[in-house]
C-alpha cells in the first residue's frame, strides 16, 4: 500500500506528523513517500503542485494531505497560489466525491455553540460534488460589460455548469452511502432560481428511483443552512454541488464544536482518495505546537477504510480517539473548564498510547 504524504503549509506539517506516527504504529505494511505541495512547493520549485508531486500522487493508492496557504502568497497570480494545488490534485486524480462527516462526540457536546439537546448524537455525512459547478465552469474571466445595469463597466464572471454524468455519479455515491446508514438522502439545490440546479434536482430524482429503499427529499440551500442550525439531527446524508457543499460542510463542522475535529475524504471512481482535515493551514498558530491533530488522524482512519480496505485498523484509530477524549485531553480549540489542555504532539502521543 503506497501513501503519498503531502504536509503542505502552516500547521500542515505538525498535524500530518502525528497522523503518520499513528499509521506507523499499526501492524500494516505501508510505503510512505513525502513531497512538497502548496506554498512550500512554490518556494522550492516555483509552482504549488510540481510535476514530481503530482506524479507521486497518481502512483499512490491514497494521498494524506495536510493544508495549504499563507497570507504571504496572496499577492501571487492565481495559478501560483498554494490553494491551486488542491484543485489540481482533484482534477488530475479525478476526485469527484468529497465525504465530510460531521459527528458530535459525546465528550464534546459542551463545546458546540448549540444547545446540547440539538447536537447530542449528531452524525451527518455531507457528500459534495468536486469537479463541476462554478469553481470549474468555463467561460470565466473579466471583461467590459455589453449589457446589464452598467454597460461599458468592468465586470467579472464565472459559469455554473453540470453535466448529466456528473450529477448521476455523485447521486449514486450518496444513495449507496445512505444504504449503509439510516437510508435517508437530502439533496440540496437552488432549483427555484438556478437552471443548473433544476437540472440537478431532476436527475437526482431519476437516480433515486433506482433506490426505492432510500428516502429522498429536496431542500433549497438557504433553508438547508437554516435547518442545520435549527434541527441538525433531521439530516443523515446530504448531497449537493461544489459551492453549496463547500459552505454547508463548514457550517456543519462547527456544529460539532470545532472544525479541528473533522476529517474528510475525496474519492475517484476507483476509490483512490485524498484525505485531509476539514480545516485550513492556520498560519497564525503554525509552529506553536497547539494545533489539533485529531482531524488529520481521523482522516487517516478514513483513508484506511475507503482506499486501503483496512476497516479494522480504521476502527482502532477511531476508538483510540474516543478514549483520549474520554480521558479529558483537549487541544486549545476544544478546551473547556475541567479538562486538560495539551499540545499537538501530546495529543498525538495520547492517541498512540490508546491505540
Foldseek 3Di string as FASTA:
>chain_A
DEEEEEQEDFCSVLLSVLLVVQVVLDPDDYHYDYDYAFPVCCVVPVARQDPVNLVSLLPGLAYQYEFHADPVCVPPDPRRGRVVRVVVSCVVNVFFKKKWWQAAFQLQLVLAPADSVQHPGDIAIEIETADFFQVDADDWAKDQACDDPDGRHIDTDTDTDDDLVSLLVSLVVQQVVLVVPVQEEEEEFQVVPDVRRVVSVVSSVVSCVVPPSHHYDYYYLVVVLVCCRVHVRVHYYYYYYHPSSLVVSVSSNSRNNDLLQIKMWTAHPLQHIYIYRNDHSPNVCGPVQQRRSNRSSLSVLVCCVRRVVNPVSSVLLVVLLSVLSVQQEDRVSSDDPPGHHDGSVVSSVSSSVSD
